Structure formats: structure tokens, C-alpha cells
Amino acid sequence: MRNRLIDALSGQKVDYLEIRLEEYESTNIHFQGKELEKISSSQEIGGNVRALVKGRWGFVTFNRWDDLEKKVKEAVEIATLIGDQKSYFAPVEPVVEQLLP
């Protein structure tokens, strides 16, 4: 997962680019009257992408992990189309964390 995120972020011509992920799980239980018909569960990964280009933001959401690269490009394209200023950032030290499952 980490390598895929790094690959998706790499090489983009942006002032800032961020991917936020959300992993969710669902369980479905179906009854017909008193009879149990089906039990199923699923896990998905989705999230959002923010891109800043020339002072303007592009933002997209996704709910399929397979769409990650496409959605990064979309966010960058949106910001690029409307960007017409200089991007400014507050002078803060970055925080780097690695979260283990």
C-alpha cells in the first residue's frame, strides 16, 4: 500500500498533494421472515485527494482503491485548470509518522 501511495504522488507537477485513506468494513445479514437467507461481509478502501496548483485546489473523493491513480490525476487536472496565483504555505515543521496495523 505504501509503495502504491508513493507512486501515485510521485512526478505530479503540484505545489501540494495529499491523499487521505479510509478503510471500512460492512456486514450484511438478510432474513426472509424467520429464515436466514444470507450473511456477507466486505472490506473497502476509499478516501480523497487534494491537490494545490498555483493557489487553487482540486479535490476528489474515491471509494475504490483501484481508482487511486485516476483520482490523483483528476485532482491535479482540476487544480491546474483553475490555478492562476502563487501558492502560500505557513512556515511549519512537517510531522512524519508511520502507523503500523
PDB file of N, CA and C in Angstrom:
ATOM      1  N   MET A   1       0.824  -1.191   0.000  1.00  0.00           N
ATOM      2  CA  MET A   1       0.000   0.000   0.000  1.00  0.00           C
ATOM      3  C   MET A   1       0.868   1.254   0.000  1.00  0.00           C
ATOM      4  N   ARG A   2       1.873   1.268   0.844  1.00  0.00           N
ATOM      5  CA  ARG A   2       2.742   2.445   0.947  1.00  0.00           C
ATOM      6  C   ARG A   2       3.403   2.763  -0.396  1.00  0.00           C
ATOM      7  N   ASN A   3       3.923   1.747  -1.069  1.00  0.00           N
ATOM      8  CA  ASN A   3       4.580   1.967  -2.363  1.00  0.00           C
ATOM      9  C   ASN A   3       3.602   2.490  -3.400  1.00  0.00           C
ATOM     10  N   ARG A   4       2.381   1.987  -3.375  1.00  0.00           N
ATOM     11  CA  ARG A   4       1.385   2.465  -4.332  1.00  0.00           C
ATOM     12  C   ARG A   4       1.046   3.935  -4.079  1.00  0.00           C
ATOM     13  N   LEU A   5       0.958   4.325  -2.822  1.00  0.00           N
ATOM     14  CA  LEU A   5       0.704   5.730  -2.492  1.00  0.00           C
ATOM     15  C   LEU A   5       1.854   6.614  -2.950  1.00  0.00           C
ATOM     16  N   ILE A   6       3.072   6.176  -2.697  1.00  0.00           N
ATOM     17  CA  ILE A   6       4.249   6.947  -3.126  1.00  0.00           C
ATOM     18  C   ILE A   6       4.275   7.073  -4.638  1.00  0.00           C
ATOM     19  N   ASP A   7       3.990   5.991  -5.350  1.00  0.00           N
ATOM     20  CA  ASP A   7       3.955   6.032  -6.817  1.00  0.00           C
ATOM     21  C   ASP A   7       2.893   6.999  -7.319  1.00  0.00           C
ATOM     22  N   ALA A   8       1.724   6.996  -6.689  1.00  0.00           N
ATOM     23  CA  ALA A   8       0.638   7.882  -7.113  1.00  0.00           C
ATOM     24  C   ALA A   8       0.987   9.349  -6.888  1.00  0.00           C
ATOM     25  N   LEU A   9       1.742   9.643  -5.834  1.00  0.00           N
ATOM     26  CA  LEU A   9       2.127  11.020  -5.519  1.00  0.00           C
ATOM     27  C   LEU A   9       3.316  11.503  -6.341  1.00  0.00           C
ATOM     28  N   SER A  10       4.176  10.590  -6.736  1.00  0.00           N
ATOM     29  CA  SER A  10       5.435  10.953  -7.411  1.00  0.00           C
ATOM     30  C   SER A  10       5.200  11.516  -8.806  1.00  0.00           C
ATOM     31  N   GLY A  11       6.020  12.494  -9.150  1.00  0.00           N
ATOM     32  CA  GLY A  11       6.028  13.036 -10.503  1.00  0.00           C
ATOM     33  C   GLY A  11       4.920  14.015 -10.825  1.00  0.00           C
ATOM     34  N   GLN A  12       4.075  14.339  -9.878  1.00  0.00           N
ATOM     35  CA  GLN A  12       2.987  15.283 -10.135  1.00  0.00           C
ATOM     36  C   GLN A  12       3.524  16.708 -10.054  1.00  0.00           C
ATOM     37  N   LYS A  13       3.113  17.550 -10.979  1.00  0.00           N
ATOM     38  CA  LYS A  13       3.558  18.945 -11.001  1.00  0.00           C
ATOM     39  C   LYS A  13       2.567  19.785 -10.193  1.00  0.00           C
ATOM     40  N   VAL A  14       2.761  19.779  -8.880  1.00  0.00           N
ATOM     41  CA  VAL A  14       1.857  20.464  -7.958  1.00  0.00           C
ATOM     42  C   VAL A  14       2.670  21.195  -6.899  1.00  0.00           C
ATOM     43  N   ASP A  15       2.011  22.129  -6.227  1.00  0.00           N
ATOM     44  CA  ASP A  15       2.626  22.778  -5.074  1.00  0.00           C
ATOM     45  C   ASP A  15       2.413  21.943  -3.813  1.00  0.00           C
ATOM     46  N   TYR A  16       1.322  21.193  -3.781  1.00  0.00           N
ATOM     47  CA  TYR A  16       1.000  20.350  -2.630  1.00  0.00           C
ATOM     48  C   TYR A  16       0.053  19.259  -3.104  1.00  0.00           C
ATOM     49  N   LEU A  17       0.230  18.062  -2.575  1.00  0.00           N
ATOM     50  CA  LEU A  17      -0.644  16.946  -2.939  1.00  0.00           C
ATOM     51  C   LEU A  17      -0.814  16.048  -1.725  1.00  0.00           C
ATOM     52  N   GLU A  18      -2.055  15.680  -1.439  1.00  0.00           N
ATOM     53  CA  GLU A  18      -2.359  14.900  -0.243  1.00  0.00           C
ATOM     54  C   GLU A  18      -3.384  13.825  -0.577  1.00  0.00           C
ATOM     55  N   ILE A  19      -3.151  12.624  -0.052  1.00  0.00           N
ATOM     56  CA  ILE A  19      -4.121  11.536  -0.156  1.00  0.00           C
ATOM     57  C   ILE A  19      -4.503  11.134   1.265  1.00  0.00           C
ATOM     58  N   ARG A  20      -5.794  11.064   1.516  1.00  0.00           N
ATOM     59  CA  ARG A  20      -6.283  10.569   2.810  1.00  0.00           C
ATOM     60  C   ARG A  20      -7.092   9.307   2.537  1.00  0.00           C
ATOM     61  N   LEU A  21      -6.794   8.271   3.302  1.00  0.00           N
ATOM     62  CA  LEU A  21      -7.453   6.982   3.103  1.00  0.00           C
ATOM     63  C   LEU A  21      -8.393   6.650   4.247  1.00  0.00           C
ATOM     64  N   GLU A  22      -9.407   5.888   3.901  1.00  0.00           N
ATOM     65  CA  GLU A  22     -10.342   5.377   4.892  1.00  0.00           C
ATOM     66  C   GLU A  22     -10.622   3.921   4.545  1.00  0.00           C
ATOM     67  N   GLU A  23     -10.459   3.060   5.512  1.00  0.00           N
ATOM     68  CA  GLU A  23     -10.772   1.646   5.316  1.00  0.00           C
ATOM     69  C   GLU A  23     -12.053   1.350   6.081  1.00  0.00           C
ATOM     70  N   TYR A  24     -12.994   0.713   5.413  1.00  0.00           N
ATOM     71  CA  TYR A  24     -14.247   0.424   6.084  1.00  0.00           C
ATOM     72  C   TYR A  24     -14.685  -1.011   5.809  1.00  0.00           C
ATOM     73  N   GLU A  25     -15.459  -1.523   6.732  1.00  0.00           N
ATOM     74  CA  GLU A  25     -15.919  -2.902   6.669  1.00  0.00           C
ATOM     75  C   GLU A  25     -17.421  -2.919   6.906  1.00  0.00           C
ATOM     76  N   SER A  26     -18.128  -3.771   6.171  1.00  0.00           N
ATOM     77  CA  SER A  26     -19.564  -3.894   6.389  1.00  0.00           C
ATOM     78  C   SER A  26     -19.952  -5.365   6.466  1.00  0.00           C
ATOM     79  N   THR A  27     -20.983  -5.626   7.232  1.00  0.00           N
ATOM     80  CA  THR A  27     -21.545  -6.968   7.355  1.00  0.00           C
ATOM     81  C   THR A  27     -23.040  -6.865   7.089  1.00  0.00           C
ATOM     82  N   ASN A  28     -23.545  -7.728   6.223  1.00  0.00           N
ATOM     83  CA  ASN A  28     -24.964  -7.740   5.877  1.00  0.00           C
ATOM     84  C   ASN A  28     -25.574  -9.077   6.277  1.00  0.00           C
ATOM     85  N   ILE A  29     -26.711  -9.020   6.932  1.00  0.00           N
ATOM     86  CA  ILE A  29     -27.445 -10.213   7.329  1.00  0.00           C
ATOM     87  C   ILE A  29     -28.859 -10.071   6.767  1.00  0.00           C
ATOM     88  N   HIS A  30     -29.269 -11.021   5.934  1.00  0.00           N
ATOM     89  CA  HIS A  30     -30.575 -10.958   5.270  1.00  0.00           C
ATOM     90  C   HIS A  30     -31.478 -12.080   5.776  1.00  0.00           C
ATOM     91  N   PHE A  31     -32.662 -11.703   6.218  1.00  0.00           N
ATOM     92  CA  PHE A  31     -33.677 -12.661   6.648  1.00  0.00           C
ATOM     93  C   PHE A  31     -34.878 -12.550   5.728  1.00  0.00           C
ATOM     94  N   GLN A  32     -35.533 -13.674   5.483  1.00  0.00           N
ATOM     95  CA  GLN A  32     -36.844 -13.702   4.834  1.00  0.00           C
ATOM     96  C   GLN A  32     -37.782 -14.301   5.881  1.00  0.00           C
ATOM     97  N   GLY A  33     -38.558 -13.446   6.517  1.00  0.00           N
ATOM     98  CA  GLY A  33     -39.350 -13.914   7.651  1.00  0.00           C
ATOM     99  C   GLY A  33     -38.411 -14.294   8.788  1.00  0.00           C
ATOM    100  N   LYS A  34     -38.520 -15.551   9.245  1.00  0.00           N
ATOM    101  CA  LYS A  34     -37.638 -16.035  10.305  1.00  0.00           C
ATOM    102  C   LYS A  34     -36.449 -16.811   9.757  1.00  0.00           C
ATOM    103  N   GLU A  35     -36.363 -16.936   8.445  1.00  0.00           N
ATOM    104  CA  GLU A  35     -35.295 -17.716   7.815  1.00  0.00           C
ATOM    105  C   GLU A  35     -34.111 -16.828   7.429  1.00  0.00           C
ATOM    106  N   LEU A  36     -32.946 -17.253   7.866  1.00  0.00           N
ATOM    107  CA  LEU A  36     -31.719 -16.565   7.466  1.00  0.00           C
ATOM    108  C   LEU A  36     -31.414 -16.923   6.021  1.00  0.00           C
ATOM    109  N   GLU A  37     -31.329 -15.931   5.149  1.00  0.00           N
ATOM    110  CA  GLU A  37     -31.066 -16.175   3.733  1.00  0.00           C
ATOM    111  C   GLU A  37     -29.602 -16.030   3.371  1.00  0.00           C
ATOM    112  N   LYS A  38     -28.943 -15.029   3.945  1.00  0.00           N
ATOM    113  CA  LYS A  38     -27.575 -14.754   3.507  1.00  0.00           C
ATOM    114  C   LYS A  38     -26.849 -13.908   4.543  1.00  0.00           C
ATOM    115  N   ILE A  39     -25.567 -14.208   4.710  1.00  0.00           N
ATOM    116  CA  ILE A  39     -24.670 -13.374   5.511  1.00  0.00           C
ATOM    117  C   ILE A  39     -23.465 -13.058   4.635  1.00  0.00           C
ATOM    118  N   SER A  40     -23.103 -11.795   4.568  1.00  0.00           N
ATOM    119  CA  SER A  40     -21.931 -11.414   3.769  1.00  0.00           C
ATOM    120  C   SER A  40     -21.196 -10.271   4.455  1.00  0.00           C
ATOM    121  N   SER A  41     -19.928 -10.168   4.149  1.00  0.00           N
ATOM    122  CA  SER A  41     -19.145  -9.045   4.664  1.00  0.00           C
ATOM    123  C   SER A  41     -18.184  -8.590   3.579  1.00  0.00           C
ATOM    124  N   SER A  42     -17.787  -7.342   3.674  1.00  0.00           N
ATOM    125  CA  SER A  42     -16.846  -6.801   2.687  1.00  0.00           C
ATOM    126  C   SER A  42     -15.960  -5.752   3.345  1.00  0.00           C
ATOM    127  N   GLN A  43     -14.797  -5.570   2.760  1.00  0.00           N
ATOM    128  CA  GLN A  43     -13.868  -4.534   3.193  1.00  0.00           C
ATOM    129  C   GLN A  43     -13.517  -3.697   1.973  1.00  0.00           C
ATOM    130  N   GLU A  44     -13.463  -2.406   2.145  1.00  0.00           N
ATOM    131  CA  GLU A  44     -13.142  -1.488   1.057  1.00  0.00           C
ATOM    132  C   GLU A  44     -12.170  -0.431   1.556  1.00  0.00           C
ATOM    133  N   ILE A  45     -11.450   0.160   0.612  1.00  0.00           N
ATOM    134  CA  ILE A  45     -10.581   1.299   0.904  1.00  0.00           C
ATOM    135  C   ILE A  45     -10.987   2.428  -0.032  1.00  0.00           C
ATOM    136  N   GLY A  46     -11.214   3.588   0.525  1.00  0.00           N
ATOM    137  CA  GLY A  46     -11.536   4.770  -0.250  1.00  0.00           C
ATOM    138  C   GLY A  46     -10.837   5.961   0.376  1.00  0.00           C
ATOM    139  N   GLY A  47     -11.199   7.143  -0.082  1.00  0.00           N
ATOM    140  CA  GLY A  47     -10.584   8.322   0.502  1.00  0.00           C
ATOM    141  C   GLY A  47     -10.780   9.556  -0.347  1.00  0.00           C
ATOM    142  N   ASN A  48      -9.854  10.502  -0.206  1.00  0.00           N
ATOM    143  CA  ASN A  48      -9.917  11.723  -1.000  1.00  0.00           C
ATOM    144  C   ASN A  48      -8.510  12.189  -1.351  1.00  0.00           C
ATOM    145  N   VAL A  49      -8.467  13.017  -2.383  1.00  0.00           N
ATOM    146  CA  VAL A  49      -7.204  13.573  -2.873  1.00  0.00           C
ATOM    147  C   VAL A  49      -7.368  15.083  -2.956  1.00  0.00           C
ATOM    148  N   ARG A  50      -6.386  15.818  -2.411  1.00  0.00           N
ATOM    149  CA  ARG A  50      -6.342  17.280  -2.528  1.00  0.00           C
ATOM    150  C   ARG A  50      -5.060  17.662  -3.240  1.00  0.00           C
ATOM    151  N   ALA A  51      -5.198  18.496  -4.250  1.00  0.00           N
ATOM    152  CA  ALA A  51      -4.032  18.994  -4.986  1.00  0.00           C
ATOM    153  C   ALA A  51      -4.088  20.515  -5.011  1.00  0.00           C
ATOM    154  N   LEU A  52      -2.938  21.153  -4.792  1.00  0.00           N
ATOM    155  CA  LEU A  52      -2.826  22.610  -4.850  1.00  0.00           C
ATOM    156  C   LEU A  52      -1.865  22.972  -5.974  1.00  0.00           C
ATOM    157  N   VAL A  53      -2.369  23.759  -6.928  1.00  0.00           N
ATOM    158  CA  VAL A  53      -1.555  24.215  -8.055  1.00  0.00           C
ATOM    159  C   VAL A  53      -1.826  25.704  -8.254  1.00  0.00           C
ATOM    160  N   LYS A  54      -0.778  26.505  -8.181  1.00  0.00           N
ATOM    161  CA  LYS A  54      -0.884  27.953  -8.405  1.00  0.00           C
ATOM    162  C   LYS A  54      -2.034  28.577  -7.621  1.00  0.00           C
ATOM    163  N   GLY A  55      -2.107  28.253  -6.330  1.00  0.00           N
ATOM    164  CA  GLY A  55      -3.071  28.898  -5.450  1.00  0.00           C
ATOM    165  C   GLY A  55      -4.487  28.359  -5.486  1.00  0.00           C
ATOM    166  N   ARG A  56      -4.744  27.319  -6.237  1.00  0.00           N
ATOM    167  CA  ARG A  56      -6.102  26.778  -6.347  1.00  0.00           C
ATOM    168  C   ARG A  56      -6.104  25.284  -6.044  1.00  0.00           C
ATOM    169  N   TRP A  57      -7.217  24.843  -5.430  1.00  0.00           N
ATOM    170  CA  TRP A  57      -7.339  23.450  -5.001  1.00  0.00           C
ATOM    171  C   TRP A  57      -8.168  22.625  -5.974  1.00  0.00           C
ATOM    172  N   GLY A  58      -7.749  21.395  -6.147  1.00  0.00           N
ATOM    173  CA  GLY A  58      -8.561  20.373  -6.802  1.00  0.00           C
ATOM    174  C   GLY A  58      -8.841  19.304  -5.761  1.00  0.00           C
ATOM    175  N   PHE A  59     -10.074  18.851  -5.685  1.00  0.00           N
ATOM    176  CA  PHE A  59     -10.460  17.878  -4.658  1.00  0.00           C
ATOM    177  C   PHE A  59     -11.356  16.818  -5.278  1.00  0.00           C
ATOM    178  N   VAL A  60     -11.030  15.556  -5.046  1.00  0.00           N
ATOM    179  CA  VAL A  60     -11.876  14.449  -5.499  1.00  0.00           C
ATOM    180  C   VAL A  60     -11.944  13.385  -4.401  1.00  0.00           C
ATOM    181  N   THR A  61     -13.019  12.629  -4.419  1.00  0.00           N
ATOM    182  CA  THR A  61     -13.161  11.503  -3.500  1.00  0.00           C
ATOM    183  C   THR A  61     -13.202  10.217  -4.312  1.00  0.00           C
ATOM    184  N   PHE A  62     -12.901   9.121  -3.660  1.00  0.00           N
ATOM    185  CA  PHE A  62     -12.998   7.817  -4.322  1.00  0.00           C
ATOM    186  C   PHE A  62     -13.387   6.761  -3.296  1.00  0.00           C
ATOM    187  N   ASN A  63     -14.079   5.733  -3.763  1.00  0.00           N
ATOM    188  CA  ASN A  63     -14.444   4.649  -2.859  1.00  0.00           C
ATOM    189  C   ASN A  63     -14.020   3.289  -3.399  1.00  0.00           C
ATOM    190  N   ARG A  64     -13.065   3.310  -4.321  1.00  0.00           N
ATOM    191  CA  ARG A  64     -12.447   2.082  -4.823  1.00  0.00           C
ATOM    192  C   ARG A  64     -10.944   2.298  -4.881  1.00  0.00           C
ATOM    193  N   TRP A  65     -10.196   1.444  -4.215  1.00  0.00           N
ATOM    194  CA  TRP A  65      -8.734   1.512  -4.186  1.00  0.00           C
ATOM    195  C   TRP A  65      -8.162   1.484  -5.598  1.00  0.00           C
ATOM    196  N   ASP A  66      -8.806   0.750  -6.490  1.00  0.00           N
ATOM    197  CA  ASP A  66      -8.329   0.643  -7.872  1.00  0.00           C
ATOM    198  C   ASP A  66      -8.378   1.975  -8.611  1.00  0.00           C
ATOM    199  N   ASP A  67      -9.142   2.936  -8.125  1.00  0.00           N
ATOM    200  CA  ASP A  67      -9.271   4.243  -8.782  1.00  0.00           C
ATOM    201  C   ASP A  67      -8.235   5.262  -8.308  1.00  0.00           C
ATOM    202  N   LEU A  68      -7.333   4.885  -7.428  1.00  0.00           N
ATOM    203  CA  LEU A  68      -6.415   5.839  -6.799  1.00  0.00           C
ATOM    204  C   LEU A  68      -5.662   6.693  -7.811  1.00  0.00           C
ATOM    205  N   GLU A  69      -4.941   6.072  -8.721  1.00  0.00           N
ATOM    206  CA  GLU A  69      -4.112   6.832  -9.668  1.00  0.00           C
ATOM    207  C   GLU A  69      -4.962   7.762 -10.533  1.00  0.00           C
ATOM    208  N   LYS A  70      -6.107   7.271 -10.980  1.00  0.00           N
ATOM    209  CA  LYS A  70      -7.014   8.086 -11.800  1.00  0.00           C
ATOM    210  C   LYS A  70      -7.503   9.305 -11.021  1.00  0.00           C
ATOM    211  N   LYS A  71      -7.823   9.120  -9.756  1.00  0.00           N
ATOM    212  CA  LYS A  71      -8.347  10.218  -8.944  1.00  0.00           C
ATOM    213  C   LYS A  71      -7.265  11.237  -8.600  1.00  0.00           C
ATOM    214  N   VAL A  72      -6.026  10.793  -8.427  1.00  0.00           N
ATOM    215  CA  VAL A  72      -4.924  11.740  -8.220  1.00  0.00           C
ATOM    216  C   VAL A  72      -4.795  12.634  -9.450  1.00  0.00           C
ATOM    217  N   LYS A  73      -4.821  12.033 -10.628  1.00  0.00           N
ATOM    218  CA  LYS A  73      -4.722  12.818 -11.868  1.00  0.00           C
ATOM    219  C   LYS A  73      -5.882  13.796 -12.001  1.00  0.00           C
ATOM    220  N   GLU A  74      -7.090  13.370 -11.638  1.00  0.00           N
ATOM    221  CA  GLU A  74      -8.256  14.257 -11.717  1.00  0.00           C
ATOM    222  C   GLU A  74      -8.097  15.468 -10.801  1.00  0.00           C
ATOM    223  N   ALA A  75      -7.660  15.250  -9.573  1.00  0.00           N
ATOM    224  CA  ALA A  75      -7.479  16.360  -8.630  1.00  0.00           C
ATOM    225  C   ALA A  75      -6.437  17.341  -9.152  1.00  0.00           C
ATOM    226  N   VAL A  76      -5.348  16.821  -9.697  1.00  0.00           N
ATOM    227  CA  VAL A  76      -4.296  17.677 -10.255  1.00  0.00           C
ATOM    228  C   VAL A  76      -4.829  18.450 -11.459  1.00  0.00           C
ATOM    229  N   GLU A  77      -5.585  17.797 -12.328  1.00  0.00           N
ATOM    230  CA  GLU A  77      -6.154  18.476 -13.504  1.00  0.00           C
ATOM    231  C   GLU A  77      -7.093  19.605 -13.099  1.00  0.00           C
ATOM    232  N   ILE A  78      -7.945  19.361 -12.114  1.00  0.00           N
ATOM    233  CA  ILE A  78      -8.881  20.395 -11.653  1.00  0.00           C
ATOM    234  C   ILE A  78      -8.115  21.609 -11.142  1.00  0.00           C
ATOM    235  N   ALA A  79      -7.137  21.383 -10.277  1.00  0.00           N
ATOM    236  CA  ALA A  79      -6.353  22.493  -9.722  1.00  0.00           C
ATOM    237  C   ALA A  79      -5.576  23.218 -10.811  1.00  0.00           C
ATOM    238  N   THR A  80      -5.048  22.478 -11.767  1.00  0.00           N
ATOM    239  CA  THR A  80      -4.271  23.078 -12.854  1.00  0.00           C
ATOM    240  C   THR A  80      -5.147  23.963 -13.733  1.00  0.00           C
ATOM    241  N   LEU A  81      -6.381  23.535 -13.984  1.00  0.00           N
ATOM    242  CA  LEU A  81      -7.288  24.309 -14.835  1.00  0.00           C
ATOM    243  C   LEU A  81      -7.647  25.664 -14.241  1.00  0.00           C
ATOM    244  N   ILE A  82      -7.750  25.742 -12.912  1.00  0.00           N
ATOM    245  CA  ILE A  82      -8.189  26.998 -12.297  1.00  0.00           C
ATOM    246  C   ILE A  82      -7.069  27.769 -11.612  1.00  0.00           C
ATOM    247  N   GLY A  83      -5.890  27.160 -11.493  1.00  0.00           N
ATOM    248  CA  GLY A  83      -4.776  27.810 -10.798  1.00  0.00           C
ATOM    249  C   GLY A  83      -4.240  29.007 -11.558  1.00  0.00           C
ATOM    250  N   ASP A  84      -4.177  30.176 -10.893  1.00  0.00           N
ATOM    251  CA  ASP A  84      -3.687  31.384 -11.559  1.00  0.00           C
ATOM    252  C   ASP A  84      -2.948  32.318 -10.596  1.00  0.00           C
ATOM    253  N   GLN A  85      -2.552  31.811  -9.426  1.00  0.00           N
ATOM    254  CA  GLN A  85      -1.873  32.633  -8.433  1.00  0.00           C
ATOM    255  C   GLN A  85      -0.687  31.867  -7.870  1.00  0.00           C
ATOM    256  N   LYS A  86      -0.022  32.484  -6.926  1.00  0.00           N
ATOM    257  CA  LYS A  86       1.068  31.807  -6.222  1.00  0.00           C
ATOM    258  C   LYS A  86       0.492  31.096  -4.999  1.00  0.00           C
ATOM    259  N   SER A  87       0.977  29.898  -4.732  1.00  0.00           N
ATOM    260  CA  SER A  87       0.569  29.164  -3.531  1.00  0.00           C
ATOM    261  C   SER A  87       1.424  29.604  -2.351  1.00  0.00           C
ATOM    262  N   TYR A  88       0.793  29.788  -1.200  1.00  0.00           N
ATOM    263  CA  TYR A  88       1.498  30.177   0.019  1.00  0.00           C
ATOM    264  C   TYR A  88       1.297  29.109   1.090  1.00  0.00           C
ATOM    265  N   PHE A  89       2.336  28.897   1.886  1.00  0.00           N
ATOM    266  CA  PHE A  89       2.279  27.910   2.955  1.00  0.00           C
ATOM    267  C   PHE A  89       2.744  28.542   4.259  1.00  0.00           C
ATOM    268  N   ALA A  90       2.127  28.122   5.357  1.00  0.00           N
ATOM    269  CA  ALA A  90       2.574  28.564   6.677  1.00  0.00           C
ATOM    270  C   ALA A  90       3.910  27.899   6.987  1.00  0.00           C
ATOM    271  N   PRO A  91       4.845  28.628   7.620  1.00  0.00           N
ATOM    272  CA  PRO A  91       6.153  28.049   7.930  1.00  0.00           C
ATOM    273  C   PRO A  91       6.084  27.126   9.155  1.00  0.00           C
ATOM    274  N   VAL A  92       5.844  25.853   8.916  1.00  0.00           N
ATOM    275  CA  VAL A  92       5.778  24.864   9.999  1.00  0.00           C
ATOM    276  C   VAL A  92       6.662  23.669   9.662  1.00  0.00           C
ATOM    277  N   GLU A  93       7.117  23.000  10.696  1.00  0.00           N
ATOM    278  CA  GLU A  93       7.911  21.790  10.506  1.00  0.00           C
ATOM    279  C   GLU A  93       6.976  20.627  10.168  1.00  0.00           C
ATOM    280  N   PRO A  94       7.328  19.812   9.187  1.00  0.00           N
ATOM    281  CA  PRO A  94       6.475  18.662   8.864  1.00  0.00           C
ATOM    282  C   PRO A  94       6.528  17.603   9.961  1.00  0.00           C
ATOM    283  N   VAL A  95       5.431  16.906  10.106  1.00  0.00           N
ATOM    284  CA  VAL A  95       5.347  15.784  11.041  1.00  0.00           C
ATOM    285  C   VAL A  95       5.307  14.512  10.209  1.00  0.00           C
ATOM    286  N   VAL A  96       6.215  13.596  10.491  1.00  0.00           N
ATOM    287  CA  VAL A  96       6.267  12.341   9.749  1.00  0.00           C
ATOM    288  C   VAL A  96       6.011  11.201  10.727  1.00  0.00           C
ATOM    289  N   GLU A  97       5.007  10.398  10.426  1.00  0.00           N
ATOM    290  CA  GLU A  97       4.648   9.262  11.274  1.00  0.00           C
ATOM    291  C   GLU A  97       4.457   8.045  10.393  1.00  0.00           C
ATOM    292  N   GLN A  98       4.747   6.895  10.934  1.00  0.00           N
ATOM    293  CA  GLN A  98       4.426   5.649  10.249  1.00  0.00           C
ATOM    294  C   GLN A  98       3.561   4.833  11.190  1.00  0.00           C
ATOM    295  N   LEU A  99       2.329   4.564  10.755  1.00  0.00           N
ATOM    296  CA  LEU A  99       1.389   3.815  11.578  1.00  0.00           C
ATOM    297  C   LEU A  99       1.395   2.364  11.144  1.00  0.00           C
ATOM    298  N   LEU A 100       1.562   1.499  12.084  1.00  0.00           N
ATOM    299  CA  LEU A 100       1.565   0.074  11.789  1.00  0.00           C
ATOM    300  C   LEU A 100       0.224  -0.529  12.180  1.00  0.00           C
ATOM    301  N   PRO A 101      -0.260  -1.495  11.387  1.00  0.00           N
ATOM    302  CA  PRO A 101      -1.568  -2.107  11.703  1.00  0.00           C
ATOM    303  C   PRO A 101      -1.537  -2.889  12.996  1.00  0.00           C
TER     304      PRO A 101
END
